């Protein structure tokens, strides 16, 4: 069994016999008789199987925001090049 603290939440891994020891729960401050809610985390399952980051951000970035970012990069391209040339010679 293992736990990982994350801002008021814990990750518990059920032991091979299917149990979560009471001592472990008590160490986390869970009192006997407390009601626990178990929530699956499909994101962790999908990232564990991921071998590549290609396409991860697809449909998560607004097209207009990406266009503004590209325009900003293009607008100061010469300035960035000049700064690198000054710094690196």
PDB file of N, CA and C in Angstrom:
ATOM      1  N   UNK A   1       0.834  -1.174   0.000  1.00  0.00           N
ATOM      2  CA  UNK A   1       0.000   0.000   0.000  1.00  0.00           C
ATOM      3  C   UNK A   1       0.878   1.235   0.000  1.00  0.00           C
ATOM      4  N   UNK A   2       0.480   2.243  -0.729  1.00  0.00           N
ATOM      5  CA  UNK A   2       1.226   3.500  -0.710  1.00  0.00           C
ATOM      6  C   UNK A   2       0.263   4.665  -0.713  1.00  0.00           C
ATOM      7  N   UNK A   3       0.750   5.813  -0.247  1.00  0.00           N
ATOM      8  CA  UNK A   3      -0.056   7.026  -0.260  1.00  0.00           C
ATOM      9  C   UNK A   3       0.778   8.147  -0.845  1.00  0.00           C
ATOM     10  N   UNK A   4       0.115   9.150  -1.398  1.00  0.00           N
ATOM     11  CA  UNK A   4       0.801  10.337  -1.908  1.00  0.00           C
ATOM     12  C   UNK A   4      -0.042  11.543  -1.533  1.00  0.00           C
ATOM     13  N   UNK A   5       0.507  12.445  -0.717  1.00  0.00           N
ATOM     14  CA  UNK A   5      -0.227  13.645  -0.323  1.00  0.00           C
ATOM     15  C   UNK A   5      -0.309  14.618  -1.477  1.00  0.00           C
ATOM     16  N   UNK A   6      -1.465  15.238  -1.657  1.00  0.00           N
ATOM     17  CA  UNK A   6      -1.647  16.258  -2.689  1.00  0.00           C
ATOM     18  C   UNK A   6      -2.754  17.196  -2.246  1.00  0.00           C
ATOM     19  N   UNK A   7      -2.389  18.214  -1.495  1.00  0.00           N
ATOM     20  CA  UNK A   7      -3.318  19.282  -1.089  1.00  0.00           C
ATOM     21  C   UNK A   7      -4.662  18.752  -0.621  1.00  0.00           C
ATOM     22  N   UNK A   8      -4.663  17.985   0.482  1.00  0.00           N
ATOM     23  CA  UNK A   8      -5.921  17.519   1.043  1.00  0.00           C
ATOM     24  C   UNK A   8      -6.467  16.258   0.428  1.00  0.00           C
ATOM     25  N   UNK A   9      -5.738  15.622  -0.447  1.00  0.00           N
ATOM     26  CA  UNK A   9      -6.200  14.357  -1.003  1.00  0.00           C
ATOM     27  C   UNK A   9      -5.098  13.328  -0.865  1.00  0.00           C
ATOM     28  N   UNK A  10      -5.460  12.085  -0.899  1.00  0.00           N
ATOM     29  CA  UNK A  10      -4.492  11.006  -0.771  1.00  0.00           C
ATOM     30  C   UNK A  10      -4.745   9.981  -1.843  1.00  0.00           C
ATOM     31  N   UNK A  11      -3.703   9.342  -2.246  1.00  0.00           N
ATOM     32  CA  UNK A  11      -3.822   8.231  -3.188  1.00  0.00           C
ATOM     33  C   UNK A  11      -3.503   6.971  -2.414  1.00  0.00           C
ATOM     34  N   UNK A  12      -4.429   6.052  -2.359  1.00  0.00           N
ATOM     35  CA  UNK A  12      -4.242   4.789  -1.659  1.00  0.00           C
ATOM     36  C   UNK A  12      -4.240   3.660  -2.675  1.00  0.00           C
ATOM     37  N   UNK A  13      -3.309   2.762  -2.522  1.00  0.00           N
ATOM     38  CA  UNK A  13      -3.268   1.587  -3.385  1.00  0.00           C
ATOM     39  C   UNK A  13      -3.671   0.398  -2.536  1.00  0.00           C
ATOM     40  N   UNK A  14      -4.712  -0.280  -2.951  1.00  0.00           N
ATOM     41  CA  UNK A  14      -5.236  -1.416  -2.202  1.00  0.00           C
ATOM     42  C   UNK A  14      -4.220  -2.548  -2.267  1.00  0.00           C
ATOM     43  N   UNK A  15      -4.010  -3.201  -1.115  1.00  0.00           N
ATOM     44  CA  UNK A  15      -3.058  -4.299  -1.021  1.00  0.00           C
ATOM     45  C   UNK A  15      -3.496  -5.504  -1.838  1.00  0.00           C
ATOM     46  N   UNK A  16      -2.596  -6.472  -2.017  1.00  0.00           N
ATOM     47  CA  UNK A  16      -2.910  -7.646  -2.843  1.00  0.00           C
ATOM     48  C   UNK A  16      -4.074  -8.476  -2.311  1.00  0.00           C
ATOM     49  N   UNK A  17      -4.363  -8.359  -1.006  1.00  0.00           N
ATOM     50  CA  UNK A  17      -5.491  -9.098  -0.450  1.00  0.00           C
ATOM     51  C   UNK A  17      -6.799  -8.310  -0.541  1.00  0.00           C
ATOM     52  N   UNK A  18      -6.752  -7.105  -1.129  1.00  0.00           N
ATOM     53  CA  UNK A  18      -7.951  -6.299  -1.316  1.00  0.00           C
ATOM     54  C   UNK A  18      -8.276  -5.385  -0.152  1.00  0.00           C
ATOM     55  N   UNK A  19      -7.372  -5.291   0.812  1.00  0.00           N
ATOM     56  CA  UNK A  19      -7.670  -4.478   1.985  1.00  0.00           C
ATOM     57  C   UNK A  19      -6.813  -3.218   2.031  1.00  0.00           C
ATOM     58  N   UNK A  20      -7.297  -2.261   2.829  1.00  0.00           N
ATOM     59  CA  UNK A  20      -6.539  -1.062   3.161  1.00  0.00           C
ATOM     60  C   UNK A  20      -6.404  -1.096   4.678  1.00  0.00           C
ATOM     61  N   UNK A  21      -5.194  -1.290   5.212  1.00  0.00           N
ATOM     62  CA  UNK A  21      -5.022  -1.429   6.660  1.00  0.00           C
ATOM     63  C   UNK A  21      -5.532  -0.210   7.434  1.00  0.00           C
ATOM     64  N   UNK A  22      -6.230  -0.457   8.533  1.00  0.00           N
ATOM     65  CA  UNK A  22      -6.783   0.610   9.368  1.00  0.00           C
ATOM     66  C   UNK A  22      -5.684   1.509   9.901  1.00  0.00           C
ATOM     67  N   UNK A  23      -4.510   0.939  10.208  1.00  0.00           N
ATOM     68  CA  UNK A  23      -3.400   1.745  10.728  1.00  0.00           C
ATOM     69  C   UNK A  23      -2.966   2.794   9.708  1.00  0.00           C
ATOM     70  N   UNK A  24      -2.951   2.404   8.448  1.00  0.00           N
ATOM     71  CA  UNK A  24      -2.551   3.336   7.393  1.00  0.00           C
ATOM     72  C   UNK A  24      -3.560   4.477   7.281  1.00  0.00           C
ATOM     73  N   UNK A  25      -4.834   4.150   7.337  1.00  0.00           N
ATOM     74  CA  UNK A  25      -5.872   5.180   7.273  1.00  0.00           C
ATOM     75  C   UNK A  25      -5.804   6.087   8.498  1.00  0.00           C
ATOM     76  N   UNK A  26      -5.547   5.521   9.658  1.00  0.00           N
ATOM     77  CA  UNK A  26      -5.448   6.315  10.881  1.00  0.00           C
ATOM     78  C   UNK A  26      -4.268   7.282  10.793  1.00  0.00           C
ATOM     79  N   UNK A  27      -3.164   6.854  10.200  1.00  0.00           N
ATOM     80  CA  UNK A  27      -2.005   7.723  10.043  1.00  0.00           C
ATOM     81  C   UNK A  27      -2.360   8.944   9.210  1.00  0.00           C
ATOM     82  N   UNK A  28      -3.304   8.791   8.281  1.00  0.00           N
ATOM     83  CA  UNK A  28      -3.739   9.897   7.435  1.00  0.00           C
ATOM     84  C   UNK A  28      -4.817  10.746   8.104  1.00  0.00           C
ATOM     85  N   UNK A  29      -5.215  10.349   9.323  1.00  0.00           N
ATOM     86  CA  UNK A  29      -6.212  11.126  10.042  1.00  0.00           C
ATOM     87  C   UNK A  29      -7.637  10.665   9.812  1.00  0.00           C
ATOM     88  N   UNK A  30      -7.814   9.508   9.195  1.00  0.00           N
ATOM     89  CA  UNK A  30      -9.153   8.971   8.951  1.00  0.00           C
ATOM     90  C   UNK A  30      -9.560   8.182  10.186  1.00  0.00           C
ATOM     91  N   UNK A  31     -10.637   8.607  10.842  1.00  0.00           N
ATOM     92  CA  UNK A  31     -11.103   7.959  12.065  1.00  0.00           C
ATOM     93  C   UNK A  31     -11.862   6.679  11.744  1.00  0.00           C
ATOM     94  N   UNK A  32     -11.855   5.750  12.711  1.00  0.00           N
ATOM     95  CA  UNK A  32     -12.646   4.527  12.553  1.00  0.00           C
ATOM     96  C   UNK A  32     -14.109   4.898  12.377  1.00  0.00           C
ATOM     97  N   UNK A  33     -14.783   4.263  11.473  1.00  0.00           N
ATOM     98  CA  UNK A  33     -16.185   4.532  11.212  1.00  0.00           C
ATOM     99  C   UNK A  33     -16.430   5.661  10.218  1.00  0.00           C
ATOM    100  N   UNK A  34     -15.356   6.308   9.761  1.00  0.00           N
ATOM    101  CA  UNK A  34     -15.514   7.401   8.791  1.00  0.00           C
ATOM    102  C   UNK A  34     -15.977   6.831   7.451  1.00  0.00           C
ATOM    103  N   UNK A  35     -16.746   7.618   6.739  1.00  0.00           N
ATOM    104  CA  UNK A  35     -17.197   7.222   5.409  1.00  0.00           C
ATOM    105  C   UNK A  35     -16.222   7.791   4.382  1.00  0.00           C
ATOM    106  N   UNK A  36     -15.751   6.951   3.488  1.00  0.00           N
ATOM    107  CA  UNK A  36     -14.807   7.367   2.454  1.00  0.00           C
ATOM    108  C   UNK A  36     -15.477   7.262   1.098  1.00  0.00           C
ATOM    109  N   UNK A  37     -15.106   8.153   0.218  1.00  0.00           N
ATOM    110  CA  UNK A  37     -15.617   8.120  -1.154  1.00  0.00           C
ATOM    111  C   UNK A  37     -14.447   7.785  -2.058  1.00  0.00           C
ATOM    112  N   UNK A  38     -14.602   6.790  -2.903  1.00  0.00           N
ATOM    113  CA  UNK A  38     -13.554   6.368  -3.823  1.00  0.00           C
ATOM    114  C   UNK A  38     -13.894   6.904  -5.204  1.00  0.00           C
ATOM    115  N   UNK A  39     -12.942   7.603  -5.808  1.00  0.00           N
ATOM    116  CA  UNK A  39     -13.142   8.201  -7.121  1.00  0.00           C
ATOM    117  C   UNK A  39     -12.047   7.694  -8.038  1.00  0.00           C
ATOM    118  N   UNK A  40     -12.426   7.163  -9.176  1.00  0.00           N
ATOM    119  CA  UNK A  40     -11.408   6.697 -10.112  1.00  0.00           C
ATOM    120  C   UNK A  40     -10.771   7.892 -10.797  1.00  0.00           C
ATOM    121  N   UNK A  41      -9.551   7.723 -11.244  1.00  0.00           N
ATOM    122  CA  UNK A  41      -8.821   8.791 -11.913  1.00  0.00           C
ATOM    123  C   UNK A  41      -8.413   8.295 -13.297  1.00  0.00           C
ATOM    124  N   UNK A  42      -9.301   8.413 -14.282  1.00  0.00           N
ATOM    125  CA  UNK A  42      -8.978   7.901 -15.618  1.00  0.00           C
ATOM    126  C   UNK A  42      -7.800   8.619 -16.266  1.00  0.00           C
ATOM    127  N   UNK A  43      -7.523   9.868 -15.855  1.00  0.00           N
ATOM    128  CA  UNK A  43      -6.394  10.596 -16.440  1.00  0.00           C
ATOM    129  C   UNK A  43      -5.079   9.898 -16.124  1.00  0.00           C
ATOM    130  N   UNK A  44      -4.932   9.392 -14.893  1.00  0.00           N
ATOM    131  CA  UNK A  44      -3.675   8.737 -14.534  1.00  0.00           C
ATOM    132  C   UNK A  44      -3.512   7.428 -15.301  1.00  0.00           C
ATOM    133  N   UNK A  45      -4.613   6.741 -15.579  1.00  0.00           N
ATOM    134  CA  UNK A  45      -4.531   5.502 -16.342  1.00  0.00           C
ATOM    135  C   UNK A  45      -4.119   5.776 -17.787  1.00  0.00           C
ATOM    136  N   UNK A  46      -4.665   6.834 -18.374  1.00  0.00           N
ATOM    137  CA  UNK A  46      -4.341   7.116 -19.774  1.00  0.00           C
ATOM    138  C   UNK A  46      -2.927   7.657 -19.917  1.00  0.00           C
ATOM    139  N   UNK A  47      -2.437   8.416 -18.942  1.00  0.00           N
ATOM    140  CA  UNK A  47      -1.076   8.946 -19.044  1.00  0.00           C
ATOM    141  C   UNK A  47      -0.047   7.869 -18.772  1.00  0.00           C
ATOM    142  N   UNK A  48      -0.401   6.871 -17.968  1.00  0.00           N
ATOM    143  CA  UNK A  48       0.545   5.792 -17.695  1.00  0.00           C
ATOM    144  C   UNK A  48       0.823   4.993 -18.963  1.00  0.00           C
ATOM    145  N   UNK A  49      -0.178   4.846 -19.815  1.00  0.00           N
ATOM    146  CA  UNK A  49      -0.017   4.070 -21.032  1.00  0.00           C
ATOM    147  C   UNK A  49       0.546   4.894 -22.184  1.00  0.00           C
ATOM    148  N   UNK A  50       0.597   6.222 -22.034  1.00  0.00           N
ATOM    149  CA  UNK A  50       1.039   7.109 -23.108  1.00  0.00           C
ATOM    150  C   UNK A  50       2.544   6.985 -23.319  1.00  0.00           C
ATOM    151  N   UNK A  51       2.949   6.783 -24.565  1.00  0.00           N
ATOM    152  CA  UNK A  51       4.366   6.707 -24.913  1.00  0.00           C
ATOM    153  C   UNK A  51       4.832   7.965 -25.635  1.00  0.00           C
ATOM    154  N   UNK A  52       3.898   8.788 -26.077  1.00  0.00           N
ATOM    155  CA  UNK A  52       4.231   9.985 -26.834  1.00  0.00           C
ATOM    156  C   UNK A  52       3.336  11.136 -26.379  1.00  0.00           C
ATOM    157  N   UNK A  53       3.839  12.343 -26.485  1.00  0.00           N
ATOM    158  CA  UNK A  53       3.041  13.510 -26.146  1.00  0.00           C
ATOM    159  C   UNK A  53       2.348  14.106 -27.365  1.00  0.00           C
ATOM    160  N   UNK A  54       2.536  13.504 -28.515  1.00  0.00           N
ATOM    161  CA  UNK A  54       1.917  14.011 -29.737  1.00  0.00           C
ATOM    162  C   UNK A  54       0.394  14.018 -29.585  1.00  0.00           C
ATOM    163  N   UNK A  55      -0.204  15.166 -29.829  1.00  0.00           N
ATOM    164  CA  UNK A  55      -1.654  15.295 -29.791  1.00  0.00           C
ATOM    165  C   UNK A  55      -2.253  15.515 -28.417  1.00  0.00           C
ATOM    166  N   UNK A  56      -1.443  15.589 -27.377  1.00  0.00           N
ATOM    167  CA  UNK A  56      -1.969  15.751 -26.023  1.00  0.00           C
ATOM    168  C   UNK A  56      -2.763  17.037 -25.879  1.00  0.00           C
ATOM    169  N   UNK A  57      -2.302  18.115 -26.484  1.00  0.00           N
ATOM    170  CA  UNK A  57      -2.966  19.408 -26.333  1.00  0.00           C
ATOM    171  C   UNK A  57      -4.005  19.691 -27.410  1.00  0.00           C
ATOM    172  N   UNK A  58      -4.201  18.771 -28.322  1.00  0.00           N
ATOM    173  CA  UNK A  58      -5.193  18.971 -29.365  1.00  0.00           C
ATOM    174  C   UNK A  58      -6.560  19.214 -28.727  1.00  0.00           C
ATOM    175  N   UNK A  59      -7.264  20.193 -29.205  1.00  0.00           N
ATOM    176  CA  UNK A  59      -8.594  20.582 -28.718  1.00  0.00           C
ATOM    177  C   UNK A  59      -8.567  21.158 -27.302  1.00  0.00           C
ATOM    178  N   UNK A  60      -7.394  21.448 -26.748  1.00  0.00           N
ATOM    179  CA  UNK A  60      -7.309  22.063 -25.429  1.00  0.00           C
ATOM    180  C   UNK A  60      -6.846  23.508 -25.513  1.00  0.00           C
ATOM    181  N   UNK A  61      -6.340  23.919 -26.666  1.00  0.00           N
ATOM    182  CA  UNK A  61      -5.867  25.279 -26.843  1.00  0.00           C
ATOM    183  C   UNK A  61      -6.776  25.971 -27.841  1.00  0.00           C
ATOM    184  N   UNK A  62      -7.258  27.130 -27.459  1.00  0.00           N
ATOM    185  CA  UNK A  62      -8.139  27.928 -28.300  1.00  0.00           C
ATOM    186  C   UNK A  62      -7.392  28.349 -29.567  1.00  0.00           C
ATOM    187  N   UNK A  63      -7.983  28.145 -30.736  1.00  0.00           N
ATOM    188  CA  UNK A  63      -7.345  28.510 -32.009  1.00  0.00           C
ATOM    189  C   UNK A  63      -6.999  29.989 -32.068  1.00  0.00           C
ATOM    190  N   UNK A  64      -7.880  30.853 -31.556  1.00  0.00           N
ATOM    191  CA  UNK A  64      -7.618  32.292 -31.579  1.00  0.00           C
ATOM    192  C   UNK A  64      -6.410  32.630 -30.709  1.00  0.00           C
ATOM    193  N   UNK A  65      -6.280  31.980 -29.562  1.00  0.00           N
ATOM    194  CA  UNK A  65      -5.133  32.221 -28.680  1.00  0.00           C
ATOM    195  C   UNK A  65      -3.849  31.766 -29.353  1.00  0.00           C
ATOM    196  N   UNK A  66      -3.897  30.652 -30.041  1.00  0.00           N
ATOM    197  CA  UNK A  66      -2.718  30.160 -30.753  1.00  0.00           C
ATOM    198  C   UNK A  66      -2.333  31.118 -31.879  1.00  0.00           C
ATOM    199  N   UNK A  67      -3.329  31.655 -32.570  1.00  0.00           N
ATOM    200  CA  UNK A  67      -3.055  32.630 -33.627  1.00  0.00           C
ATOM    201  C   UNK A  67      -2.414  33.898 -33.052  1.00  0.00           C
ATOM    202  N   UNK A  68      -2.900  34.366 -31.891  1.00  0.00           N
ATOM    203  CA  UNK A  68      -2.300  35.538 -31.247  1.00  0.00           C
ATOM    204  C   UNK A  68      -0.856  35.263 -30.828  1.00  0.00           C
ATOM    205  N   UNK A  69      -0.595  34.067 -30.330  1.00  0.00           N
ATOM    206  CA  UNK A  69       0.756  33.691 -29.928  1.00  0.00           C
ATOM    207  C   UNK A  69       1.687  33.671 -31.141  1.00  0.00           C
ATOM    208  N   UNK A  70       1.239  33.076 -32.239  1.00  0.00           N
ATOM    209  CA  UNK A  70       2.040  33.049 -33.472  1.00  0.00           C
ATOM    210  C   UNK A  70       2.319  34.463 -33.980  1.00  0.00           C
ATOM    211  N   UNK A  71       1.312  35.335 -33.924  1.00  0.00           N
ATOM    212  CA  UNK A  71       1.490  36.713 -34.384  1.00  0.00           C
ATOM    213  C   UNK A  71       2.494  37.451 -33.507  1.00  0.00           C
ATOM    214  N   UNK A  72       2.428  37.226 -32.199  1.00  0.00           N
ATOM    215  CA  UNK A  72       3.371  37.879 -31.287  1.00  0.00           C
ATOM    216  C   UNK A  72       4.794  37.402 -31.553  1.00  0.00           C
ATOM    217  N   UNK A  73       4.965  36.122 -31.811  1.00  0.00           N
ATOM    218  CA  UNK A  73       6.300  35.605 -32.133  1.00  0.00           C
ATOM    219  C   UNK A  73       6.819  36.216 -33.427  1.00  0.00           C
ATOM    220  N   UNK A  74       5.963  36.301 -34.423  1.00  0.00           N
ATOM    221  CA  UNK A  74       6.381  36.871 -35.705  1.00  0.00           C
ATOM    222  C   UNK A  74       6.725  38.357 -35.560  1.00  0.00           C
ATOM    223  N   UNK A  75       5.968  39.063 -34.722  1.00  0.00           N
ATOM    224  CA  UNK A  75       6.168  40.506 -34.572  1.00  0.00           C
ATOM    225  C   UNK A  75       7.512  40.847 -33.939  1.00  0.00           C
ATOM    226  N   UNK A  76       7.988  40.022 -33.038  1.00  0.00           N
ATOM    227  CA  UNK A  76       9.259  40.374 -32.388  1.00  0.00           C
ATOM    228  C   UNK A  76      10.398  39.427 -32.764  1.00  0.00           C
ATOM    229  N   UNK A  77      10.247  38.737 -33.873  1.00  0.00           N
ATOM    230  CA  UNK A  77      11.266  37.784 -34.320  1.00  0.00           C
ATOM    231  C   UNK A  77      12.624  38.453 -34.510  1.00  0.00           C
ATOM    232  N   UNK A  78      12.653  39.561 -35.217  1.00  0.00           N
ATOM    233  CA  UNK A  78      13.920  40.256 -35.469  1.00  0.00           C
ATOM    234  C   UNK A  78      14.562  40.731 -34.164  1.00  0.00           C
ATOM    235  N   UNK A  79      13.745  41.197 -33.239  1.00  0.00           N
ATOM    236  CA  UNK A  79      14.263  41.641 -31.940  1.00  0.00           C
ATOM    237  C   UNK A  79      14.909  40.472 -31.185  1.00  0.00           C
ATOM    238  N   UNK A  80      14.268  39.324 -31.204  1.00  0.00           N
ATOM    239  CA  UNK A  80      14.828  38.148 -30.529  1.00  0.00           C
ATOM    240  C   UNK A  80      16.122  37.702 -31.180  1.00  0.00           C
ATOM    241  N   UNK A  81      16.175  37.722 -32.499  1.00  0.00           N
ATOM    242  CA  UNK A  81      17.392  37.342 -33.220  1.00  0.00           C
ATOM    243  C   UNK A  81      18.533  38.307 -32.879  1.00  0.00           C
ATOM    244  N   UNK A  82      18.223  39.602 -32.863  1.00  0.00           N
ATOM    245  CA  UNK A  82      19.258  40.608 -32.539  1.00  0.00           C
ATOM    246  C   UNK A  82      19.762  40.421 -31.120  1.00  0.00           C
ATOM    247  N   UNK A  83      18.888  40.119 -30.181  1.00  0.00           N
ATOM    248  CA  UNK A  83      19.300  39.908 -28.795  1.00  0.00           C
ATOM    249  C   UNK A  83      20.230  38.701 -28.674  1.00  0.00           C
ATOM    250  N   UNK A  84      19.925  37.635 -29.378  1.00  0.00           N
ATOM    251  CA  UNK A  84      20.786  36.444 -29.350  1.00  0.00           C
ATOM    252  C   UNK A  84      22.132  36.751 -29.962  1.00  0.00           C
ATOM    253  N   UNK A  85      22.132  37.493 -31.064  1.00  0.00           N
ATOM    254  CA  UNK A  85      23.404  37.853 -31.723  1.00  0.00           C
ATOM    255  C   UNK A  85      24.248  38.731 -30.813  1.00  0.00           C
ATOM    256  N   UNK A  86      23.629  39.647 -30.071  1.00  0.00           N
ATOM    257  CA  UNK A  86      24.363  40.503 -29.134  1.00  0.00           C
ATOM    258  C   UNK A  86      24.982  39.667 -28.006  1.00  0.00           C
ATOM    259  N   UNK A  87      24.190  38.755 -27.524  1.00  0.00           N
ATOM    260  CA  UNK A  87      24.618  37.931 -26.379  1.00  0.00           C
ATOM    261  C   UNK A  87      25.681  36.909 -26.779  1.00  0.00           C
ATOM    262  N   UNK A  88      25.463  36.264 -27.890  1.00  0.00           N
ATOM    263  CA  UNK A  88      26.351  35.151 -28.289  1.00  0.00           C
ATOM    264  C   UNK A  88      27.442  35.573 -29.268  1.00  0.00           C
ATOM    265  N   UNK A  89      27.294  36.723 -29.838  1.00  0.00           N
ATOM    266  CA  UNK A  89      28.328  37.240 -30.746  1.00  0.00           C
ATOM    267  C   UNK A  89      28.159  36.838 -32.115  1.00  0.00           C
TER     268      UNK A  89
END
